[in-house]
Structure formats: C-alpha cells, structure tokens
All heavy atoms as atom14 arrays in JSON, in Angstrom:
{
  "sequence": "DRIGNIIKMMKQNPERYKNFKFHPCMPYAHKYANAMTELGIVGT",
  "atom14_mask": [
    [1, 1, 1, 1, 1, 1, 1, 1, 0, 0, 0, 0, 0, 0],
    [1, 1, 1, 1, 1, 1, 1, 1, 1, 1, 1, 0, 0, 0],
    [1, 1, 1, 1, 1, 1, 1, 1, 0, 0, 0, 0, 0, 0],
    [1, 1, 1, 1, 0, 0, 0, 0, 0, 0, 0, 0, 0, 0],
    [1, 1, 1, 1, 1, 1, 1, 1, 0, 0, 0, 0, 0, 0],
    [1, 1, 1, 1, 1, 1, 1, 1, 0, 0, 0, 0, 0, 0],
    [1, 1, 1, 1, 1, 1, 1, 1, 0, 0, 0, 0, 0, 0],
    [1, 1, 1, 1, 1, 1, 1, 1, 1, 0, 0, 0, 0, 0],
    [1, 1, 1, 1, 1, 1, 1, 1, 0, 0, 0, 0, 0, 0],
    [1, 1, 1, 1, 1, 1, 1, 1, 0, 0, 0, 0, 0, 0],
    [1, 1, 1, 1, 1, 1, 1, 1, 1, 0, 0, 0, 0, 0],
    [1, 1, 1, 1, 1, 1, 1, 1, 1, 0, 0, 0, 0, 0],
    [1, 1, 1, 1, 1, 1, 1, 1, 0, 0, 0, 0, 0, 0],
    [1, 1, 1, 1, 1, 1, 1, 0, 0, 0, 0, 0, 0, 0],
    [1, 1, 1, 1, 1, 1, 1, 1, 1, 0, 0, 0, 0, 0],
    [1, 1, 1, 1, 1, 1, 1, 1, 1, 1, 1, 0, 0, 0],
    [1, 1, 1, 1, 1, 1, 1, 1, 1, 1, 1, 1, 0, 0],
    [1, 1, 1, 1, 1, 1, 1, 1, 1, 0, 0, 0, 0, 0],
    [1, 1, 1, 1, 1, 1, 1, 1, 0, 0, 0, 0, 0, 0],
    [1, 1, 1, 1, 1, 1, 1, 1, 1, 1, 1, 0, 0, 0],
    [1, 1, 1, 1, 1, 1, 1, 1, 1, 0, 0, 0, 0, 0],
    [1, 1, 1, 1, 1, 1, 1, 1, 1, 1, 1, 0, 0, 0],
    [1, 1, 1, 1, 1, 1, 1, 1, 1, 1, 0, 0, 0, 0],
    [1, 1, 1, 1, 1, 1, 1, 0, 0, 0, 0, 0, 0, 0],
    [1, 1, 1, 1, 1, 1, 0, 0, 0, 0, 0, 0, 0, 0],
    [1, 1, 1, 1, 1, 1, 1, 1, 0, 0, 0, 0, 0, 0],
    [1, 1, 1, 1, 1, 1, 1, 0, 0, 0, 0, 0, 0, 0],
    [1, 1, 1, 1, 1, 1, 1, 1, 1, 1, 1, 1, 0, 0],
    [1, 1, 1, 1, 1, 0, 0, 0, 0, 0, 0, 0, 0, 0],
    [1, 1, 1, 1, 1, 1, 1, 1, 1, 1, 0, 0, 0, 0],
    [1, 1, 1, 1, 1, 1, 1, 1, 1, 0, 0, 0, 0, 0],
    [1, 1, 1, 1, 1, 1, 1, 1, 1, 1, 1, 1, 0, 0],
    [1, 1, 1, 1, 1, 0, 0, 0, 0, 0, 0, 0, 0, 0],
    [1, 1, 1, 1, 1, 1, 1, 1, 0, 0, 0, 0, 0, 0],
    [1, 1, 1, 1, 1, 0, 0, 0, 0, 0, 0, 0, 0, 0],
    [1, 1, 1, 1, 1, 1, 1, 1, 0, 0, 0, 0, 0, 0],
    [1, 1, 1, 1, 1, 1, 1, 0, 0, 0, 0, 0, 0, 0],
    [1, 1, 1, 1, 1, 1, 1, 1, 1, 0, 0, 0, 0, 0],
    [1, 1, 1, 1, 1, 1, 1, 1, 0, 0, 0, 0, 0, 0],
    [1, 1, 1, 1, 0, 0, 0, 0, 0, 0, 0, 0, 0, 0],
    [1, 1, 1, 1, 1, 1, 1, 1, 0, 0, 0, 0, 0, 0],
    [1, 1, 1, 1, 1, 1, 1, 0, 0, 0, 0, 0, 0, 0],
    [1, 1, 1, 1, 0, 0, 0, 0, 0, 0, 0, 0, 0, 0],
    [1, 1, 1, 1, 1, 1, 1, 0, 0, 0, 0, 0, 0, 0]
  ],
  "atom14_positions": [
    [[18.95, 1.03, 1.73], [19.13, 0.26, 0.49], [17.98, -0.68, 0.15], [17.61, -0.81, -1.01], [20.41, -0.58, 0.56], [21.66, 0.25, 0.35], [21.56, 1.35, -0.22], [22.73, -0.21, 0.77], [0.0, 0.0, 0.0], [0.0, 0.0, 0.0], [0.0, 0.0, 0.0], [0.0, 0.0, 0.0], [0.0, 0.0, 0.0], [0.0, 0.0, 0.0]],
    [[17.44, -1.33, 1.15], [16.39, -2.31, 0.87], [15.13, -1.68, 0.3], [14.34, -2.37, -0.36], [16.07, -3.14, 2.12], [17.21, -4.12, 2.42], [16.93, -5.01, 3.59], [15.76, -5.85, 3.38], [15.12, -6.47, 4.38], [15.53, -6.33, 5.63], [14.08, -7.22, 4.12], [0.0, 0.0, 0.0], [0.0, 0.0, 0.0], [0.0, 0.0, 0.0]],
    [[14.94, -0.39, 0.49], [13.8, 0.28, -0.13], [13.93, 0.18, -1.65], [12.93, 0.02, -2.36], [13.7, 1.75, 0.33], [13.34, 1.81, 1.81], [12.7, 2.54, -0.5], [12.01, 1.18, 2.18], [0.0, 0.0, 0.0], [0.0, 0.0, 0.0], [0.0, 0.0, 0.0], [0.0, 0.0, 0.0], [0.0, 0.0, 0.0], [0.0, 0.0, 0.0]],
    [[15.13, 0.25, -2.16], [15.36, 0.07, -3.59], [14.85, -1.28, -4.08], [14.27, -1.39, -5.17], [0.0, 0.0, 0.0], [0.0, 0.0, 0.0], [0.0, 0.0, 0.0], [0.0, 0.0, 0.0], [0.0, 0.0, 0.0], [0.0, 0.0, 0.0], [0.0, 0.0, 0.0], [0.0, 0.0, 0.0], [0.0, 0.0, 0.0], [0.0, 0.0, 0.0]],
    [[15.04, -2.33, -3.28], [14.52, -3.65, -3.63], [13.0, -3.66, -3.66], [12.39, -4.28, -4.54], [15.01, -4.71, -2.62], [16.51, -4.83, -2.6], [17.21, -4.45, -3.53], [17.03, -5.37, -1.51], [0.0, 0.0, 0.0], [0.0, 0.0, 0.0], [0.0, 0.0, 0.0], [0.0, 0.0, 0.0], [0.0, 0.0, 0.0], [0.0, 0.0, 0.0]],
    [[12.38, -2.99, -2.7], [10.92, -2.92, -2.64], [10.41, -2.19, -3.89], [9.43, -2.6, -4.51], [10.46, -2.19, -1.36], [11.0, -2.87, -0.1], [8.95, -2.04, -1.31], [10.72, -4.33, 0.03], [0.0, 0.0, 0.0], [0.0, 0.0, 0.0], [0.0, 0.0, 0.0], [0.0, 0.0, 0.0], [0.0, 0.0, 0.0], [0.0, 0.0, 0.0]],
    [[11.07, -1.11, -4.25], [10.67, -0.34, -5.43], [10.78, -1.2, -6.69], [9.88, -1.18, -7.54], [11.48, 0.96, -5.55], [11.07, 1.92, -4.43], [11.33, 1.6, -6.92], [11.96, 3.13, -4.26], [0.0, 0.0, 0.0], [0.0, 0.0, 0.0], [0.0, 0.0, 0.0], [0.0, 0.0, 0.0], [0.0, 0.0, 0.0], [0.0, 0.0, 0.0]],
    [[11.85, -1.97, -6.82], [11.99, -2.86, -7.97], [10.83, -3.86, -8.03], [10.29, -4.14, -9.1], [13.31, -3.61, -7.91], [14.51, -2.75, -8.23], [15.81, -3.51, -8.06], [17.0, -2.58, -8.19], [18.26, -3.23, -7.85], [0.0, 0.0, 0.0], [0.0, 0.0, 0.0], [0.0, 0.0, 0.0], [0.0, 0.0, 0.0], [0.0, 0.0, 0.0]],
    [[10.43, -4.38, -6.89], [9.31, -5.32, -6.84], [8.01, -4.61, -7.23], [7.18, -5.18, -7.96], [9.19, -5.94, -5.44], [10.38, -6.84, -5.1], [10.53, -7.25, -3.34], [9.11, -8.28, -3.09], [0.0, 0.0, 0.0], [0.0, 0.0, 0.0], [0.0, 0.0, 0.0], [0.0, 0.0, 0.0], [0.0, 0.0, 0.0], [0.0, 0.0, 0.0]],
    [[7.83, -3.38, -6.78], [6.62, -2.63, -7.12], [6.55, -2.33, -8.62], [5.48, -2.37, -9.22], [6.56, -1.32, -6.33], [6.25, -1.5, -4.88], [6.25, 0.11, -4.05], [5.21, -0.26, -2.63], [0.0, 0.0, 0.0], [0.0, 0.0, 0.0], [0.0, 0.0, 0.0], [0.0, 0.0, 0.0], [0.0, 0.0, 0.0], [0.0, 0.0, 0.0]],
    [[7.7, -2.06, -9.22], [7.73, -1.75, -10.64], [7.34, -2.95, -11.51], [6.97, -2.78, -12.66], [9.11, -1.23, -11.04], [9.36, 0.19, -10.57], [10.73, 0.69, -11.0], [10.93, 2.13, -10.61], [12.25, 2.66, -11.02], [0.0, 0.0, 0.0], [0.0, 0.0, 0.0], [0.0, 0.0, 0.0], [0.0, 0.0, 0.0], [0.0, 0.0, 0.0]],
    [[7.4, -4.13, -10.94], [6.98, -5.33, -11.67], [5.45, -5.43, -11.75], [4.92, -6.24, -12.51], [7.55, -6.58, -11.01], [9.05, -6.67, -11.13], [9.65, -7.82, -10.32], [8.95, -8.57, -9.65], [10.96, -7.93, -10.38], [0.0, 0.0, 0.0], [0.0, 0.0, 0.0], [0.0, 0.0, 0.0], [0.0, 0.0, 0.0], [0.0, 0.0, 0.0]],
    [[4.75, -4.63, -10.96], [3.29, -4.63, -10.95], [2.8, -3.18, -10.92], [2.22, -2.73, -9.92], [2.78, -5.41, -9.73], [1.3, -5.67, -9.78], [0.59, -5.15, -10.64], [0.8, -6.46, -8.84], [0.0, 0.0, 0.0], [0.0, 0.0, 0.0], [0.0, 0.0, 0.0], [0.0, 0.0, 0.0], [0.0, 0.0, 0.0], [0.0, 0.0, 0.0]],
    [[3.05, -2.42, -12.0], [2.76, -0.98, -11.98], [1.29, -0.64, -11.75], [0.98, 0.38, -11.13], [3.23, -0.5, -13.35], [3.34, -1.72, -14.2], [3.59, -2.87, -13.28], [0.0, 0.0, 0.0], [0.0, 0.0, 0.0], [0.0, 0.0, 0.0], [0.0, 0.0, 0.0], [0.0, 0.0, 0.0], [0.0, 0.0, 0.0], [0.0, 0.0, 0.0]],
    [[0.38, -1.47, -12.2], [-1.05, -1.17, -12.01], [-1.41, -1.18, -10.52], [-2.13, -0.31, -10.04], [-1.91, -2.18, -12.78], [-3.38, -1.85, -12.78], [-3.72, -0.48, -13.39], [-3.01, 0.0, -14.28], [-4.72, 0.11, -12.94], [0.0, 0.0, 0.0], [0.0, 0.0, 0.0], [0.0, 0.0, 0.0], [0.0, 0.0, 0.0], [0.0, 0.0, 0.0]],
    [[-0.88, -2.15, -9.79], [-1.17, -2.25, -8.35], [-0.67, -1.03, -7.58], [-1.3, -0.59, -6.63], [-0.51, -3.52, -7.78], [-0.5, -3.59, -6.26], [-1.54, -4.52, -5.73], [-1.38, -4.8, -4.31], [-2.29, -4.46, -3.4], [-3.41, -3.84, -3.75], [-2.1, -4.76, -2.13], [0.0, 0.0, 0.0], [0.0, 0.0, 0.0], [0.0, 0.0, 0.0]],
    [[0.48, -0.49, -7.99], [1.13, 0.56, -7.21], [1.06, 1.94, -7.87], [1.77, 2.85, -7.46], [2.59, 0.17, -6.95], [2.68, -1.14, -6.21], [3.08, -2.31, -6.86], [2.34, -1.22, -4.86], [3.13, -3.51, -6.18], [2.39, -2.43, -4.19], [2.79, -3.56, -4.85], [2.83, -4.77, -4.18], [0.0, 0.0, 0.0], [0.0, 0.0, 0.0]],
    [[0.17, 2.11, -8.85], [0.12, 3.37, -9.59], [-0.23, 4.56, -8.7], [0.19, 5.68, -8.99], [-0.82, 3.28, -10.77], [-2.29, 3.17, -10.41], [-3.16, 3.06, -11.63], [-4.62, 2.89, -11.2], [-5.46, 2.63, -12.34], [0.0, 0.0, 0.0], [0.0, 0.0, 0.0], [0.0, 0.0, 0.0], [0.0, 0.0, 0.0], [0.0, 0.0, 0.0]],
    [[-0.96, 4.37, -7.62], [-1.35, 5.47, -6.74], [-0.51, 5.53, -5.46], [-0.8, 6.32, -4.57], [-2.83, 5.35, -6.37], [-3.72, 5.5, -7.58], [-3.48, 6.35, -8.44], [-4.74, 4.67, -7.68], [0.0, 0.0, 0.0], [0.0, 0.0, 0.0], [0.0, 0.0, 0.0], [0.0, 0.0, 0.0], [0.0, 0.0, 0.0], [0.0, 0.0, 0.0]],
    [[0.52, 4.7, -5.39], [1.32, 4.64, -4.18], [2.34, 5.78, -4.16], [2.95, 6.1, -5.18], [2.06, 3.29, -4.09], [2.61, 3.01, -2.73], [1.79, 2.56, -1.71], [3.95, 3.21, -2.46], [2.3, 2.31, -0.45], [4.47, 2.97, -1.2], [3.64, 2.51, -0.19], [0.0, 0.0, 0.0], [0.0, 0.0, 0.0], [0.0, 0.0, 0.0]],
    [[2.5, 6.39, -3.0], [3.42, 7.52, -2.85], [4.49, 7.19, -1.82], [4.19, 6.61, -0.77], [2.67, 8.77, -2.39], [1.62, 9.27, -3.33], [0.9, 10.47, -2.71], [-0.47, 10.65, -3.26], [-1.49, 9.84, -2.62], [0.0, 0.0, 0.0], [0.0, 0.0, 0.0], [0.0, 0.0, 0.0], [0.0, 0.0, 0.0], [0.0, 0.0, 0.0]],
    [[5.7, 7.58, -2.12], [6.8, 7.51, -1.16], [7.1, 8.92, -0.68], [7.08, 9.87, -1.47], [8.06, 6.94, -1.81], [8.05, 5.46, -1.99], [7.66, 4.9, -3.2], [8.44, 4.62, -0.96], [7.66, 3.53, -3.37], [8.45, 3.25, -1.12], [8.05, 2.7, -2.33], [0.0, 0.0, 0.0], [0.0, 0.0, 0.0], [0.0, 0.0, 0.0]],
    [[7.41, 9.04, 0.59], [7.94, 10.29, 1.15], [9.33, 9.96, 1.66], [9.51, 9.6, 2.81], [7.06, 10.81, 2.29], [5.75, 11.37, 1.85], [4.9, 12.01, 2.71], [5.13, 11.4, 0.64], [3.83, 12.42, 2.07], [3.95, 12.04, 0.81], [0.0, 0.0, 0.0], [0.0, 0.0, 0.0], [0.0, 0.0, 0.0], [0.0, 0.0, 0.0]],
    [[10.33, 10.08, 0.78], [11.7, 9.76, 1.19], [12.2, 10.73, 2.27], [11.86, 11.91, 2.26], [12.52, 9.93, -0.08], [11.55, 10.03, -1.19], [10.25, 10.48, -0.62], [0.0, 0.0, 0.0], [0.0, 0.0, 0.0], [0.0, 0.0, 0.0], [0.0, 0.0, 0.0], [0.0, 0.0, 0.0], [0.0, 0.0, 0.0], [0.0, 0.0, 0.0]],
    [[13.01, 10.21, 3.16], [13.64, 10.99, 4.21], [15.14, 10.73, 4.11], [15.57, 9.58, 4.19], [13.08, 10.54, 5.56], [13.81, 11.37, 6.95], [0.0, 0.0, 0.0], [0.0, 0.0, 0.0], [0.0, 0.0, 0.0], [0.0, 0.0, 0.0], [0.0, 0.0, 0.0], [0.0, 0.0, 0.0], [0.0, 0.0, 0.0], [0.0, 0.0, 0.0]],
    [[15.91, 11.78, 3.91], [17.34, 11.61, 3.64], [18.19, 12.56, 4.45], [17.67, 13.56, 4.94], [17.6, 11.81, 2.15], [17.27, 13.21, 1.67], [17.55, 13.49, -0.07], [16.3, 12.52, -0.83], [0.0, 0.0, 0.0], [0.0, 0.0, 0.0], [0.0, 0.0, 0.0], [0.0, 0.0, 0.0], [0.0, 0.0, 0.0], [0.0, 0.0, 0.0]],
    [[19.45, 12.28, 4.57], [20.2, 11.12, 4.08], [20.16, 9.95, 5.07], [19.89, 10.15, 6.25], [21.63, 11.66, 3.98], [21.73, 12.64, 5.1], [20.35, 13.26, 5.21], [0.0, 0.0, 0.0], [0.0, 0.0, 0.0], [0.0, 0.0, 0.0], [0.0, 0.0, 0.0], [0.0, 0.0, 0.0], [0.0, 0.0, 0.0], [0.0, 0.0, 0.0]],
    [[20.45, 8.78, 4.56], [20.61, 7.6, 5.41], [22.11, 7.35, 5.51], [22.7, 6.65, 4.7], [19.86, 6.4, 4.82], [19.85, 5.23, 5.77], [19.04, 5.27, 6.9], [20.66, 4.14, 5.57], [19.04, 4.22, 7.8], [20.66, 3.08, 6.47], [19.85, 3.12, 7.57], [19.85, 2.09, 8.47], [0.0, 0.0, 0.0], [0.0, 0.0, 0.0]],
    [[22.73, 7.98, 6.49], [24.19, 8.02, 6.58], [24.83, 6.65, 6.72], [25.92, 6.41, 6.19], [24.6, 8.92, 7.74], [0.0, 0.0, 0.0], [0.0, 0.0, 0.0], [0.0, 0.0, 0.0], [0.0, 0.0, 0.0], [0.0, 0.0, 0.0], [0.0, 0.0, 0.0], [0.0, 0.0, 0.0], [0.0, 0.0, 0.0], [0.0, 0.0, 0.0]],
    [[24.18, 5.73, 7.44], [24.77, 4.39, 7.62], [24.98, 3.69, 6.29], [25.89, 2.89, 6.14], [23.89, 3.53, 8.53], [23.8, 4.06, 9.93], [24.88, 4.07, 10.78], [22.78, 4.6, 10.61], [24.52, 4.59, 11.93], [23.24, 4.93, 11.86], [0.0, 0.0, 0.0], [0.0, 0.0, 0.0], [0.0, 0.0, 0.0], [0.0, 0.0, 0.0]],
    [[24.11, 4.0, 5.32], [24.24, 3.39, 3.99], [25.6, 3.71, 3.4], [26.28, 2.84, 2.87], [23.11, 3.92, 3.1], [23.24, 3.57, 1.64], [22.02, 3.99, 0.84], [21.81, 5.46, 0.82], [20.65, 5.85, -0.01], [0.0, 0.0, 0.0], [0.0, 0.0, 0.0], [0.0, 0.0, 0.0], [0.0, 0.0, 0.0], [0.0, 0.0, 0.0]],
    [[26.02, 4.96, 3.51], [27.29, 5.37, 2.93], [28.48, 4.81, 3.72], [29.47, 4.39, 3.13], [27.38, 6.9, 2.84], [26.32, 7.44, 1.91], [25.22, 8.12, 2.4], [26.4, 7.23, 0.54], [24.23, 8.58, 1.55], [25.42, 7.69, -0.32], [24.34, 8.37, 0.2], [23.36, 8.83, -0.64], [0.0, 0.0, 0.0], [0.0, 0.0, 0.0]],
    [[28.35, 4.78, 5.02], [29.43, 4.22, 5.84], [29.62, 2.73, 5.52], [30.76, 2.26, 5.34], [29.13, 4.41, 7.33], [0.0, 0.0, 0.0], [0.0, 0.0, 0.0], [0.0, 0.0, 0.0], [0.0, 0.0, 0.0], [0.0, 0.0, 0.0], [0.0, 0.0, 0.0], [0.0, 0.0, 0.0], [0.0, 0.0, 0.0], [0.0, 0.0, 0.0]],
    [[28.53, 2.0, 5.42], [28.62, 0.57, 5.09], [29.16, 0.36, 3.69], [29.98, -0.54, 3.45], [27.25, -0.1, 5.23], [26.77, -0.14, 6.66], [27.55, -0.02, 7.59], [25.47, -0.31, 6.83], [0.0, 0.0, 0.0], [0.0, 0.0, 0.0], [0.0, 0.0, 0.0], [0.0, 0.0, 0.0], [0.0, 0.0, 0.0], [0.0, 0.0, 0.0]],
    [[28.71, 1.18, 2.75], [29.18, 1.03, 1.36], [30.67, 1.31, 1.26], [31.39, 0.62, 0.51], [28.4, 1.97, 0.44], [0.0, 0.0, 0.0], [0.0, 0.0, 0.0], [0.0, 0.0, 0.0], [0.0, 0.0, 0.0], [0.0, 0.0, 0.0], [0.0, 0.0, 0.0], [0.0, 0.0, 0.0], [0.0, 0.0, 0.0], [0.0, 0.0, 0.0]],
    [[31.15, 2.31, 1.98], [32.59, 2.62, 1.94], [33.39, 1.42, 2.44], [34.45, 1.11, 1.89], [32.89, 3.85, 2.81], [32.31, 5.13, 2.26], [33.17, 5.72, 0.82], [34.56, 6.5, 1.58], [0.0, 0.0, 0.0], [0.0, 0.0, 0.0], [0.0, 0.0, 0.0], [0.0, 0.0, 0.0], [0.0, 0.0, 0.0], [0.0, 0.0, 0.0]],
    [[32.88, 0.74, 3.44], [33.57, -0.43, 3.98], [33.55, -1.58, 2.98], [34.55, -2.24, 2.77], [32.89, -0.88, 5.3], [32.95, 0.2, 6.22], [33.59, -2.09, 5.89], [0.0, 0.0, 0.0], [0.0, 0.0, 0.0], [0.0, 0.0, 0.0], [0.0, 0.0, 0.0], [0.0, 0.0, 0.0], [0.0, 0.0, 0.0], [0.0, 0.0, 0.0]],
    [[32.41, -1.8, 2.35], [32.24, -2.94, 1.45], [32.75, -2.68, 0.03], [33.3, -3.58, -0.6], [30.77, -3.34, 1.39], [30.25, -3.88, 2.7], [28.75, -4.15, 2.67], [28.18, -4.25, 1.56], [28.16, -4.24, 3.76], [0.0, 0.0, 0.0], [0.0, 0.0, 0.0], [0.0, 0.0, 0.0], [0.0, 0.0, 0.0], [0.0, 0.0, 0.0]],
    [[32.53, -1.45, -0.49], [32.8, -1.17, -1.9], [34.0, -0.25, -2.13], [34.45, -0.12, -3.26], [31.57, -0.52, -2.55], [30.25, -1.3, -2.44], [29.1, -0.44, -2.95], [30.34, -2.6, -3.21], [0.0, 0.0, 0.0], [0.0, 0.0, 0.0], [0.0, 0.0, 0.0], [0.0, 0.0, 0.0], [0.0, 0.0, 0.0], [0.0, 0.0, 0.0]],
    [[34.46, 0.42, -1.09], [35.52, 1.41, -1.25], [34.94, 2.71, -1.77], [33.75, 2.82, -2.07], [0.0, 0.0, 0.0], [0.0, 0.0, 0.0], [0.0, 0.0, 0.0], [0.0, 0.0, 0.0], [0.0, 0.0, 0.0], [0.0, 0.0, 0.0], [0.0, 0.0, 0.0], [0.0, 0.0, 0.0], [0.0, 0.0, 0.0], [0.0, 0.0, 0.0]],
    [[35.8, 3.71, -1.91], [35.35, 5.05, -2.32], [34.78, 5.03, -3.73], [33.66, 5.48, -3.98], [36.49, 6.07, -2.22], [36.89, 6.25, -0.75], [36.1, 7.4, -2.84], [38.15, 7.06, -0.55], [0.0, 0.0, 0.0], [0.0, 0.0, 0.0], [0.0, 0.0, 0.0], [0.0, 0.0, 0.0], [0.0, 0.0, 0.0], [0.0, 0.0, 0.0]],
    [[35.52, 4.48, -4.68], [35.08, 4.48, -6.07], [33.82, 3.63, -6.23], [32.87, 4.03, -6.92], [36.21, 3.99, -7.01], [35.7, 3.85, -8.43], [37.39, 4.95, -6.96], [0.0, 0.0, 0.0], [0.0, 0.0, 0.0], [0.0, 0.0, 0.0], [0.0, 0.0, 0.0], [0.0, 0.0, 0.0], [0.0, 0.0, 0.0], [0.0, 0.0, 0.0]],
    [[33.79, 2.48, -5.6], [32.61, 1.61, -5.67], [31.37, 2.29, -5.11], [30.28, 2.17, -5.66], [0.0, 0.0, 0.0], [0.0, 0.0, 0.0], [0.0, 0.0, 0.0], [0.0, 0.0, 0.0], [0.0, 0.0, 0.0], [0.0, 0.0, 0.0], [0.0, 0.0, 0.0], [0.0, 0.0, 0.0], [0.0, 0.0, 0.0], [0.0, 0.0, 0.0]],
    [[31.53, 3.02, -4.01], [30.41, 3.73, -3.42], [29.91, 4.82, -4.35], [28.7, 4.98, -4.55], [30.82, 4.35, -2.05], [31.22, 3.28, -1.18], [29.68, 5.13, -1.42], [0.0, 0.0, 0.0], [0.0, 0.0, 0.0], [0.0, 0.0, 0.0], [0.0, 0.0, 0.0], [0.0, 0.0, 0.0], [0.0, 0.0, 0.0], [0.0, 0.0, 0.0]]
  ]
}
C-alpha cells in the first residue's frame, strides 16, 4: 500500500520522475488480508 503513497508524491513533481520506472511484483497477499480485517469484504 505505501507504494501508492510514494507514487502520489512522485506525481506532484512529474518532471523529476518522468524517466522513473517501476517494476511491480504481485500479488502482495498481506495487503488483502489486512484490508479484509480493517475494511471488510465490501470495503476491500
């Protein structure tokens, strides 16, 4: 999840990060397990 926060920060300075590349690796299963606990099924 915190990668989403980093991306939001990067989008605030598009010129600085225009050549930056992400190589996402998925899935991050703990994210879904934690979300189910905190948000429930519909919230997740």
